[in-house]
């Protein structure tokens, strides 16, 4: 799961750097953080891990989610400044 989380973070970083419009940003946000998003699906998988693995994986997953939210918020601010 660690590899999946890191790969997802890299994928989002690459996607965010290519965004050129607020509409694209919204689509990326939904694709990664939405109810059926990629990160959301991984977070649900934490519950299926053995009890000993859940706390560290949960913490890592939450950290990746926080970083993803910050990347998206930063890009959103960039678009707000451009207006």
C-alpha atoms as a PDB file:
ATOM      1  CA  UNK A   1       0.000   0.000   0.000  1.00  0.00           C
ATOM      2  CA  UNK A   2       2.954   2.315   0.620  1.00  0.00           C
ATOM      3  CA  UNK A   3       3.969   2.033  -3.018  1.00  0.00           C
ATOM      4  CA  UNK A   4       0.404   2.721  -4.138  1.00  0.00           C
ATOM      5  CA  UNK A   5       0.175   5.851  -2.002  1.00  0.00           C
ATOM      6  CA  UNK A   6       3.512   7.170  -3.254  1.00  0.00           C
ATOM      7  CA  UNK A   7       2.572   6.414  -6.871  1.00  0.00           C
ATOM      8  CA  UNK A   8      -0.758   8.182  -6.422  1.00  0.00           C
ATOM      9  CA  UNK A   9       0.974  11.236  -4.971  1.00  0.00           C
ATOM     10  CA  UNK A  10       3.405  11.358  -7.908  1.00  0.00           C
ATOM     11  CA  UNK A  11       0.514  10.960 -10.349  1.00  0.00           C
ATOM     12  CA  UNK A  12      -1.334  13.863  -8.767  1.00  0.00           C
ATOM     13  CA  UNK A  13       1.802  16.041  -8.765  1.00  0.00           C
ATOM     14  CA  UNK A  14       2.229  15.391 -12.484  1.00  0.00           C
ATOM     15  CA  UNK A  15      -1.440  16.097 -13.179  1.00  0.00           C
ATOM     16  CA  UNK A  16      -1.459  19.332 -11.182  1.00  0.00           C
ATOM     17  CA  UNK A  17       1.553  20.711 -13.047  1.00  0.00           C
ATOM     18  CA  UNK A  18      -0.266  20.218 -16.366  1.00  0.00           C
ATOM     19  CA  UNK A  19      -3.498  21.943 -15.328  1.00  0.00           C
ATOM     20  CA  UNK A  20      -4.252  25.107 -17.295  1.00  0.00           C
ATOM     21  CA  UNK A  21      -7.815  25.923 -16.221  1.00  0.00           C
ATOM     22  CA  UNK A  22      -9.989  25.899 -13.095  1.00  0.00           C
ATOM     23  CA  UNK A  23     -12.251  23.340 -14.789  1.00  0.00           C
ATOM     24  CA  UNK A  24      -9.349  20.922 -15.172  1.00  0.00           C
ATOM     25  CA  UNK A  25      -8.412  21.495 -11.538  1.00  0.00           C
ATOM     26  CA  UNK A  26     -11.918  20.576 -10.443  1.00  0.00           C
ATOM     27  CA  UNK A  27     -11.850  17.412 -12.557  1.00  0.00           C
ATOM     28  CA  UNK A  28      -8.507  16.368 -11.044  1.00  0.00           C
ATOM     29  CA  UNK A  29      -9.775  17.071  -7.542  1.00  0.00           C
ATOM     30  CA  UNK A  30     -12.821  14.888  -8.128  1.00  0.00           C
ATOM     31  CA  UNK A  31     -10.751  12.121  -9.729  1.00  0.00           C
ATOM     32  CA  UNK A  32      -8.411  11.906  -6.750  1.00  0.00           C
ATOM     33  CA  UNK A  33     -10.352  13.142  -3.721  1.00  0.00           C
ATOM     34  CA  UNK A  34     -13.982  12.655  -4.718  1.00  0.00           C
ATOM     35  CA  UNK A  35     -16.283   9.969  -3.304  1.00  0.00           C
ATOM     36  CA  UNK A  36     -15.159   7.515  -5.964  1.00  0.00           C
ATOM     37  CA  UNK A  37     -11.683   9.005  -6.291  1.00  0.00           C
ATOM     38  CA  UNK A  38      -8.413   7.136  -6.416  1.00  0.00           C
ATOM     39  CA  UNK A  39      -7.194   8.278  -3.007  1.00  0.00           C
ATOM     40  CA  UNK A  40     -10.585   7.665  -1.427  1.00  0.00           C
ATOM     41  CA  UNK A  41     -10.477   4.060  -2.649  1.00  0.00           C
ATOM     42  CA  UNK A  42      -7.035   3.572  -1.108  1.00  0.00           C
ATOM     43  CA  UNK A  43      -8.180   5.075   2.190  1.00  0.00           C
ATOM     44  CA  UNK A  44     -11.034   2.584   2.308  1.00  0.00           C
ATOM     45  CA  UNK A  45      -8.467  -0.183   1.837  1.00  0.00           C
ATOM     46  CA  UNK A  46      -6.761   0.734   5.108  1.00  0.00           C
ATOM     47  CA  UNK A  47      -9.670  -0.838   6.992  1.00  0.00           C
ATOM     48  CA  UNK A  48      -8.914  -4.184   5.334  1.00  0.00           C
ATOM     49  CA  UNK A  49      -5.307  -4.274   6.561  1.00  0.00           C
ATOM     50  CA  UNK A  50      -4.260  -6.361   9.558  1.00  0.00           C
ATOM     51  CA  UNK A  51      -4.726  -4.500  12.853  1.00  0.00           C
ATOM     52  CA  UNK A  52      -0.975  -4.023  13.367  1.00  0.00           C
ATOM     53  CA  UNK A  53      -0.542  -2.348   9.972  1.00  0.00           C
ATOM     54  CA  UNK A  54      -3.542  -0.018  10.161  1.00  0.00           C
ATOM     55  CA  UNK A  55      -2.158   2.802  12.347  1.00  0.00           C
ATOM     56  CA  UNK A  56       1.043   3.475  10.364  1.00  0.00           C
ATOM     57  CA  UNK A  57      -0.681   3.044   6.999  1.00  0.00           C
ATOM     58  CA  UNK A  58      -3.593   5.193   8.107  1.00  0.00           C
ATOM     59  CA  UNK A  59      -1.208   7.925   9.200  1.00  0.00           C
ATOM     60  CA  UNK A  60       0.672   7.738   5.910  1.00  0.00           C
ATOM     61  CA  UNK A  61      -2.562   7.751   3.896  1.00  0.00           C
ATOM     62  CA  UNK A  62      -3.801  10.798   5.796  1.00  0.00           C
ATOM     63  CA  UNK A  63      -0.495  12.582   5.204  1.00  0.00           C
ATOM     64  CA  UNK A  64      -0.705  11.870   1.465  1.00  0.00           C
ATOM     65  CA  UNK A  65      -4.299  13.128   1.438  1.00  0.00           C
ATOM     66  CA  UNK A  66      -3.228  16.307   3.220  1.00  0.00           C
ATOM     67  CA  UNK A  67      -0.407  16.861   0.712  1.00  0.00           C
ATOM     68  CA  UNK A  68      -2.807  16.292  -2.178  1.00  0.00           C
ATOM     69  CA  UNK A  69      -5.268  18.803  -0.738  1.00  0.00           C
ATOM     70  CA  UNK A  70      -2.457  21.339  -0.323  1.00  0.00           C
ATOM     71  CA  UNK A  71      -1.298  20.898  -3.938  1.00  0.00           C
ATOM     72  CA  UNK A  72      -4.831  21.426  -5.203  1.00  0.00           C
ATOM     73  CA  UNK A  73      -5.399  24.425  -2.925  1.00  0.00           C
ATOM     74  CA  UNK A  74      -2.130  25.982  -4.084  1.00  0.00           C
ATOM     75  CA  UNK A  75      -3.098  25.607  -7.726  1.00  0.00           C
ATOM     76  CA  UNK A  76      -6.541  27.037  -6.970  1.00  0.00           C
ATOM     77  CA  UNK A  77      -4.886  30.099  -5.386  1.00  0.00           C
ATOM     78  CA  UNK A  78      -2.763  30.478  -8.528  1.00  0.00           C
ATOM     79  CA  UNK A  79      -5.923  30.658 -10.624  1.00  0.00           C
ATOM     80  CA  UNK A  80      -7.548  33.105  -8.185  1.00  0.00           C
ATOM     81  CA  UNK A  81      -4.512  35.399  -8.424  1.00  0.00           C
ATOM     82  CA  UNK A  82      -4.647  35.324 -12.228  1.00  0.00           C
ATOM     83  CA  UNK A  83      -8.202  36.688 -12.265  1.00  0.00           C
END
